[in-house]
Structure formats: structure tokens, C-alpha cells
């Protein structure tokens, strides 16, 4: 019996990245069936057509992957899909819209690796995520809290930051501290107030968020990570290829986007394989994080 991965996306085209990752997961006899332009209202019908063709005992061979770029809609599609299934007609499902879950996992895995390389633990560390109220930044924050860190996130608007941390508290049961940061001066003030061990930037491509002249002022900073793969990078002095190496005698370690991406890609393949190990799994952020260490 073929293994069938139903790929659902709200975009006009299916992501070649996601399709290639699925096939490269080396799931035997896998067929990926992409559906594009999918709206939340389309989900019940698509899920019915996914769960009913096969006998319940064979549904371990069918799974659903929700992709695309709209993370909010992806979460809504995930909720609708899970709600449409019922025993014994359940298939395993995961959402990784815009790569938010796997990118967040890759970032925290690399940060954890860098901290443990120093003989330390994330527990009790303080991390600040600049431009951190988007899907990736908030998920990074939630995972760092899971590891025992205290976490702050910044946004250009305090109202947005407050709304974002309320969502994280509700969904992931994680407490984050908000800062409004709209200038270099505000960046310095946030760093002075929070005194982080870890700095993460999750802003848009080609925008430097934390300048070297700023982070050099803070001896408390041990590790800096940036998810931006396009120069200029989010943290000045951290290259996309940096893999936890010390930055020019500063005592601070840098982690670049390409090294984060390597973990992200590996984890995405692991999740595709995991979908076919047991039927009826609902694979969320913490499950993806745990899979990174399997």
C-alpha cells in the first residue's frame, strides 16, 4: 500500500521546498498529493476525502501536512482539520506554515548547543528576541521558556507586543516580557533593563537590528542568533554560516541562519517520517522540538 501525504496550502502554488523535503525524508512508497488555494472552509471536505477511502487500520499510511505562508490561516486550517476527524477515522497531521515551527526549533536547538558547549544550561538564562512578535519569534520564545529560560520579546509597538505575549501565554503557557523597540536607543535601553545572556533576531531580511557597537557594550551577552539569511544580517558581526564560533575575541558566540536552516531541514524530514509511524498524531511545536533530539 502506498503512503500518501496530502499537502494543503493556501497559496497559489505548492512550495517546492516542502515537496522536496517530503520526498527526501525517505519514506518508502511515498506519494505527495498537493492541494493549493485551500481556504479554511475547504478543510472539512478535503479531510473527509482523506480519512474515508481506507480502512481505519490502514490510515497509518495516510497523513496531512499543512504548508504555505499564512501562519494564522495555517493554524486555523489545522484546528479545523483536527476537529473534522474522529475515531477510528484519524490520520496524523502537522502544520509548518512558513516554516515557523521548524525554524524556531532549529534556532533553539543551536542556542542550546552553544550554551551547553560552555558547560552551562538554558535553565535560568535570559533571552531577548528582537522583532520577536512574529510567528517564528514567538515560537522561539515559547521553546526557550520550555527550557527554563526567562524570555523577552520586542516589537515596534507595545500594543502588538502585549497582544502577542497573551497569545503565547494562551497557546503555549509561556510567560514573556514585552519591550517596545523602535530605535538604537530603545535597543540599548531594552538590553540594559533585561541584561540578557542570549540575543536573537527574527526580523525581516536585509535589516540589521542589533548593531555591533550596541552588543559590544554588554558583557552579559553570551550567544547571539539570527534567522536572517540575507545580508545585511540581523546581528552585525554574525554571519549566516556561523556555527557557534566565538566572534573575533569578544567571548560571544554567533549562530547564523544557514546553520539554523540545516537543523530546520533535518527536523522537517524527521516529522514527515514520524507522520507515518502511528496514525492519529497531532504534531505540534513541542513535538517537533522533541523530535530534533531523537
Protein backbone atom coordinates (compact mmCIF):
# COMPACT_ATOMS: atom_id res chain seq x y z
CA UNK A 1 0.00 0.00 0.00
CA UNK A 2 1.31 3.43 -0.93
CA UNK A 3 1.91 6.01 1.76
CA UNK A 4 0.04 9.19 0.83
CA UNK A 5 0.91 12.64 2.16
CA UNK A 6 -1.86 15.16 1.50
CA UNK A 7 -0.18 18.59 1.25
CA UNK A 8 -2.54 21.50 1.86
CA UNK A 9 -1.60 25.11 1.12
CA UNK A 10 -3.49 28.38 0.94
CA UNK A 11 -1.01 29.64 -1.68
CA UNK A 12 -1.41 29.68 -5.47
CA UNK A 13 1.43 27.18 -5.86
CA UNK A 14 2.66 24.33 -3.69
CA UNK A 15 6.03 25.05 -2.12
CA UNK A 16 8.79 23.18 -3.99
CA UNK A 17 10.78 23.35 -0.76
CA UNK A 18 8.16 21.43 1.22
CA UNK A 19 7.59 18.89 -1.55
CA UNK A 20 11.31 18.18 -1.94
CA UNK A 21 11.75 17.88 1.83
CA UNK A 22 8.89 15.37 1.94
CA UNK A 23 10.39 13.16 -0.75
CA UNK A 24 13.87 13.49 0.75
CA UNK A 25 12.53 12.16 4.05
CA UNK A 26 12.96 8.70 2.51
CA UNK A 27 9.54 7.39 3.42
CA UNK A 28 9.13 4.16 1.46
CA UNK A 29 6.48 4.20 -1.31
CA UNK A 30 5.55 7.82 -0.57
CA UNK A 31 3.28 9.83 -2.84
CA UNK A 32 2.76 13.55 -2.10
CA UNK A 33 -0.58 14.95 -3.29
CA UNK A 34 -0.60 18.78 -3.21
CA UNK A 35 -3.74 20.92 -2.99
CA UNK A 36 -3.33 24.67 -3.40
CA UNK A 37 -5.58 27.69 -2.96
CA UNK A 38 -7.15 25.94 0.02
CA UNK A 39 -9.32 28.00 2.37
CA UNK A 40 -10.41 27.09 5.89
CA UNK A 41 -13.88 26.36 4.59
CA UNK A 42 -12.48 23.75 2.21
CA UNK A 43 -10.94 21.69 5.00
CA UNK A 44 -13.92 19.55 6.12
CA UNK A 45 -14.50 18.19 2.62
CA UNK A 46 -10.81 17.55 1.97
CA UNK A 47 -10.37 15.81 5.30
CA UNK A 48 -13.45 13.64 4.68
CA UNK A 49 -11.97 12.61 1.34
CA UNK A 50 -8.70 11.83 3.12
CA UNK A 51 -9.97 9.70 6.00
CA UNK A 52 -12.74 7.63 4.40
CA UNK A 53 -11.17 5.85 1.36
CA UNK A 54 -9.10 3.47 3.51
CA UNK A 55 -10.00 1.04 6.28
CA UNK A 56 -9.21 2.61 9.68
CA UNK A 57 -6.38 0.11 10.29
CA UNK A 58 -4.70 1.35 7.09
CA UNK A 59 -4.86 5.06 7.92
CA UNK A 60 -1.33 4.91 9.31
CA UNK A 61 -0.40 5.10 5.62
CA UNK A 62 -2.15 8.45 5.12
CA UNK A 63 -1.09 11.80 6.59
CA UNK A 64 -1.63 15.55 6.19
CA UNK A 65 0.96 18.34 6.02
CA UNK A 66 -0.24 21.95 6.07
CA UNK A 67 2.16 24.37 4.38
CA UNK A 68 2.00 27.80 2.75
CA UNK A 69 2.98 31.18 4.18
CA UNK A 70 -0.05 32.43 6.13
CA UNK A 71 0.66 31.14 9.63
CA UNK A 72 -2.60 32.37 11.14
CA UNK A 73 -4.64 30.68 8.42
CA UNK A 74 -2.46 27.59 8.71
CA UNK A 75 -3.28 27.31 12.40
CA UNK A 76 -6.99 27.72 11.62
CA UNK A 77 -6.75 25.01 8.96
CA UNK A 78 -5.00 22.72 11.42
CA UNK A 79 -7.69 23.24 14.07
CA UNK A 80 -10.46 22.67 11.55
CA UNK A 81 -8.82 19.50 10.22
CA UNK A 82 -8.28 18.01 13.67
CA UNK A 83 -11.87 18.79 14.59
CA UNK A 84 -13.16 17.06 11.47
CA UNK A 85 -11.53 13.73 12.31
CA UNK A 86 -12.95 11.21 14.79
CA UNK A 87 -12.15 7.70 15.99
CA UNK A 88 -11.37 5.44 14.26
CA UNK A 89 -11.06 7.72 11.23
CA UNK A 90 -7.98 9.71 12.13
CA UNK A 91 -4.75 10.36 10.25
CA UNK A 92 -1.61 12.05 11.52
CA UNK A 93 -1.28 15.75 10.80
CA UNK A 94 1.23 18.57 11.17
CA UNK A 95 1.31 22.25 10.23
CA UNK A 96 4.52 24.12 9.45
CA UNK A 97 3.28 27.19 7.64
CA UNK A 98 6.11 29.49 6.59
CA UNK A 99 8.46 27.04 8.28
CA UNK A 100 7.70 28.80 11.57
CA UNK A 101 7.74 25.71 13.76
CA UNK A 102 10.82 24.06 12.26
CA UNK A 103 12.76 27.36 12.07
CA UNK A 104 12.01 28.09 15.72
CA UNK A 105 13.11 24.57 16.63
CA UNK A 106 16.33 24.91 14.63
CA UNK A 107 17.13 28.19 16.36
CA UNK A 108 16.62 26.92 19.89
CA UNK A 109 18.48 23.67 19.19
CA UNK A 110 21.53 25.66 18.05
CA UNK A 111 21.29 28.05 21.02
CA UNK A 112 21.03 25.13 23.44
CA UNK A 113 24.03 23.52 21.76
CA UNK A 114 26.11 26.71 22.09
CA UNK A 115 25.19 27.19 25.77
CA UNK A 116 25.88 23.56 26.65
CA UNK A 117 29.21 23.76 24.84
CA UNK A 118 30.17 26.26 27.53
CA UNK A 119 29.24 23.69 30.18
CA UNK A 120 26.09 25.61 31.06
CA UNK A 121 22.32 25.11 30.77
CA UNK A 122 19.49 27.19 29.34
CA UNK A 123 17.70 26.96 32.67
CA UNK A 124 17.81 30.36 34.33
CA UNK A 125 19.31 32.10 31.31
CA UNK A 126 17.75 35.30 29.98
CA UNK A 127 17.00 35.65 26.26
CA UNK A 128 15.64 38.59 24.30
CA UNK A 129 14.11 38.11 20.85
CA UNK A 130 14.25 41.30 18.78
CA UNK A 131 11.44 41.81 16.25
CA UNK A 132 10.08 38.80 18.08
CA UNK A 133 6.31 39.12 17.82
CA UNK A 134 6.03 37.28 14.51
CA UNK A 135 5.32 33.53 14.29
CA UNK A 136 8.99 32.46 14.43
CA UNK A 137 9.99 34.81 17.24
CA UNK A 138 7.07 33.85 19.46
CA UNK A 139 7.70 30.15 18.95
CA UNK A 140 11.39 30.64 19.78
CA UNK A 141 10.31 32.40 22.95
CA UNK A 142 7.93 29.59 23.90
CA UNK A 143 10.60 26.92 23.40
CA UNK A 144 13.19 28.84 25.40
CA UNK A 145 10.70 29.14 28.26
CA UNK A 146 10.15 25.36 27.99
CA UNK A 147 13.91 25.01 28.56
CA UNK A 148 13.71 27.13 31.70
CA UNK A 149 14.88 30.48 30.32
CA UNK A 150 13.37 33.87 31.05
CA UNK A 151 12.38 35.49 27.75
CA UNK A 152 11.58 38.97 26.46
CA UNK A 153 10.35 39.93 23.00
CA UNK A 154 10.44 43.28 21.26
CA UNK A 155 8.12 44.95 18.79
CA UNK A 156 7.89 48.37 17.20
CA UNK A 157 4.59 48.78 19.03
CA UNK A 158 3.96 47.88 22.67
CA UNK A 159 0.31 47.08 21.98
CA UNK A 160 1.34 44.49 19.41
CA UNK A 161 3.87 43.01 21.81
CA UNK A 162 1.28 42.77 24.57
CA UNK A 163 -1.22 41.06 22.26
CA UNK A 164 1.43 38.63 21.06
CA UNK A 165 2.55 37.57 24.51
CA UNK A 166 -1.07 37.00 25.55
CA UNK A 167 -1.42 34.61 22.62
CA UNK A 168 1.75 32.77 23.63
CA UNK A 169 0.51 32.53 27.21
CA UNK A 170 -2.78 31.05 26.00
CA UNK A 171 -1.39 28.64 23.39
CA UNK A 172 1.96 27.62 24.88
CA UNK A 173 1.51 28.53 28.57
CA UNK A 174 4.68 30.61 28.43
CA UNK A 175 5.26 34.00 30.06
CA UNK A 176 7.18 36.57 28.01
CA UNK A 177 8.20 40.14 28.81
CA UNK A 178 7.39 42.81 26.18
CA UNK A 179 9.52 45.76 25.08
CA UNK A 180 8.80 48.46 22.53
CA UNK A 181 11.89 48.98 20.38
CA UNK A 182 11.85 51.46 17.51
CA UNK A 183 15.41 52.83 17.58
CA UNK A 184 19.00 52.06 18.51
CA UNK A 185 18.45 53.97 21.74
CA UNK A 186 15.48 51.75 22.59
CA UNK A 187 17.58 48.67 21.75
CA UNK A 188 20.23 49.79 24.24
CA UNK A 189 17.61 50.53 26.87
CA UNK A 190 15.99 47.10 26.48
CA UNK A 191 19.36 45.39 26.79
CA UNK A 192 20.27 47.47 29.86
CA UNK A 193 16.99 46.66 31.54
CA UNK A 194 16.80 42.94 30.71
CA UNK A 195 20.53 42.07 30.81
CA UNK A 196 20.20 39.03 28.51
CA UNK A 197 22.60 36.13 28.14
CA UNK A 198 21.14 35.40 24.69
CA UNK A 199 20.15 37.73 21.86
CA UNK A 200 18.00 36.50 18.95
CA UNK A 201 16.83 38.49 15.93
CA UNK A 202 13.85 37.38 13.84
CA UNK A 203 13.25 40.48 11.77
CA UNK A 204 12.71 40.86 8.02
CA UNK A 205 15.52 40.07 5.55
CA UNK A 206 18.31 42.55 4.88
CA UNK A 207 17.75 44.64 8.00
CA UNK A 208 20.35 44.94 10.75
CA UNK A 209 18.51 45.12 14.06
CA UNK A 210 21.33 44.95 16.63
CA UNK A 211 24.49 46.80 15.65
CA UNK A 212 27.91 45.69 16.80
CA UNK A 213 28.52 48.99 18.58
CA UNK A 214 25.47 48.15 20.70
CA UNK A 215 26.03 44.50 21.59
CA UNK A 216 29.73 45.10 22.34
CA UNK A 217 28.63 47.21 25.31
CA UNK A 218 27.08 44.22 27.13
CA UNK A 219 29.32 41.68 28.82
CA UNK A 220 26.25 39.69 29.86
CA UNK A 221 25.61 38.52 26.28
CA UNK A 222 27.00 35.03 25.60
CA UNK A 223 25.20 33.85 22.46
CA UNK A 224 23.66 35.72 19.52
CA UNK A 225 21.49 34.04 16.88
CA UNK A 226 19.98 35.47 13.69
CA UNK A 227 17.42 33.80 11.40
CA UNK A 228 18.03 36.25 8.53
CA UNK A 229 19.83 34.54 5.62
CA UNK A 230 20.28 37.70 3.51
CA UNK A 231 22.90 40.37 4.24
CA UNK A 232 22.96 42.72 5.98
CA UNK A 233 22.21 40.26 8.76
CA UNK A 234 20.06 40.92 11.81
CA UNK A 235 23.01 41.00 14.21
CA UNK A 236 26.02 42.87 12.89
CA UNK A 237 29.04 40.59 13.13
CA UNK A 238 27.07 37.33 12.97
CA UNK A 239 27.45 35.65 9.59
CA UNK A 240 24.85 33.29 8.11
CA UNK A 241 27.42 30.45 8.26
CA UNK A 242 28.44 30.96 11.89
CA UNK A 243 28.02 27.77 13.89
CA UNK A 244 28.50 28.86 17.46
CA UNK A 245 32.04 30.13 16.98
CA UNK A 246 33.41 32.99 19.04
CA UNK A 247 33.17 36.35 17.29
CA UNK A 248 36.66 37.83 16.98
CA UNK A 249 37.79 37.54 20.56
CA UNK A 250 34.62 39.03 22.05
CA UNK A 251 33.73 35.97 24.12
CA UNK A 252 30.33 35.90 22.40
CA UNK A 253 29.17 33.04 20.16
CA UNK A 254 27.39 33.64 16.86
CA UNK A 255 24.79 31.43 15.20
CA UNK A 256 23.77 32.19 11.61
CA UNK A 257 20.68 31.44 9.57
CA UNK A 258 22.22 28.76 7.38
CA UNK A 259 23.28 26.71 10.41
CA UNK A 260 19.80 27.11 11.87
CA UNK A 261 18.43 26.09 8.48
CA UNK A 262 20.39 22.84 8.46
CA UNK A 263 18.66 21.75 11.67
CA UNK A 264 15.32 23.03 10.38
CA UNK A 265 15.59 20.90 7.23
CA UNK A 266 16.62 17.78 9.14
CA UNK A 267 13.74 18.19 11.59
CA UNK A 268 11.22 18.68 8.79
CA UNK A 269 12.27 15.35 7.26
CA UNK A 270 12.03 13.66 10.66
CA UNK A 271 8.49 14.94 11.09
CA UNK A 272 7.42 13.62 7.70
CA UNK A 273 8.75 10.19 8.70
CA UNK A 274 7.04 10.43 12.10
CA UNK A 275 3.67 11.10 10.46
CA UNK A 276 3.68 7.53 9.14
CA UNK A 277 4.82 5.81 12.34
CA UNK A 278 1.46 5.98 14.11
CA UNK A 279 -1.98 7.06 12.99
CA UNK A 280 -3.91 9.94 14.52
CA UNK A 281 -0.98 12.01 15.76
CA UNK A 282 -1.45 15.79 16.03
CA UNK A 283 2.12 17.01 15.85
CA UNK A 284 2.65 20.45 17.38
CA UNK A 285 5.57 22.74 18.17
CA UNK A 286 6.79 20.88 21.25
CA UNK A 287 6.54 17.52 19.46
CA UNK A 288 8.69 18.91 16.64
CA UNK A 289 11.20 20.20 19.17
CA UNK A 290 11.38 16.82 20.90
CA UNK A 291 11.88 15.13 17.52
CA UNK A 292 15.02 17.21 16.97
CA UNK A 293 16.72 15.24 19.76
CA UNK A 294 15.58 11.77 18.69
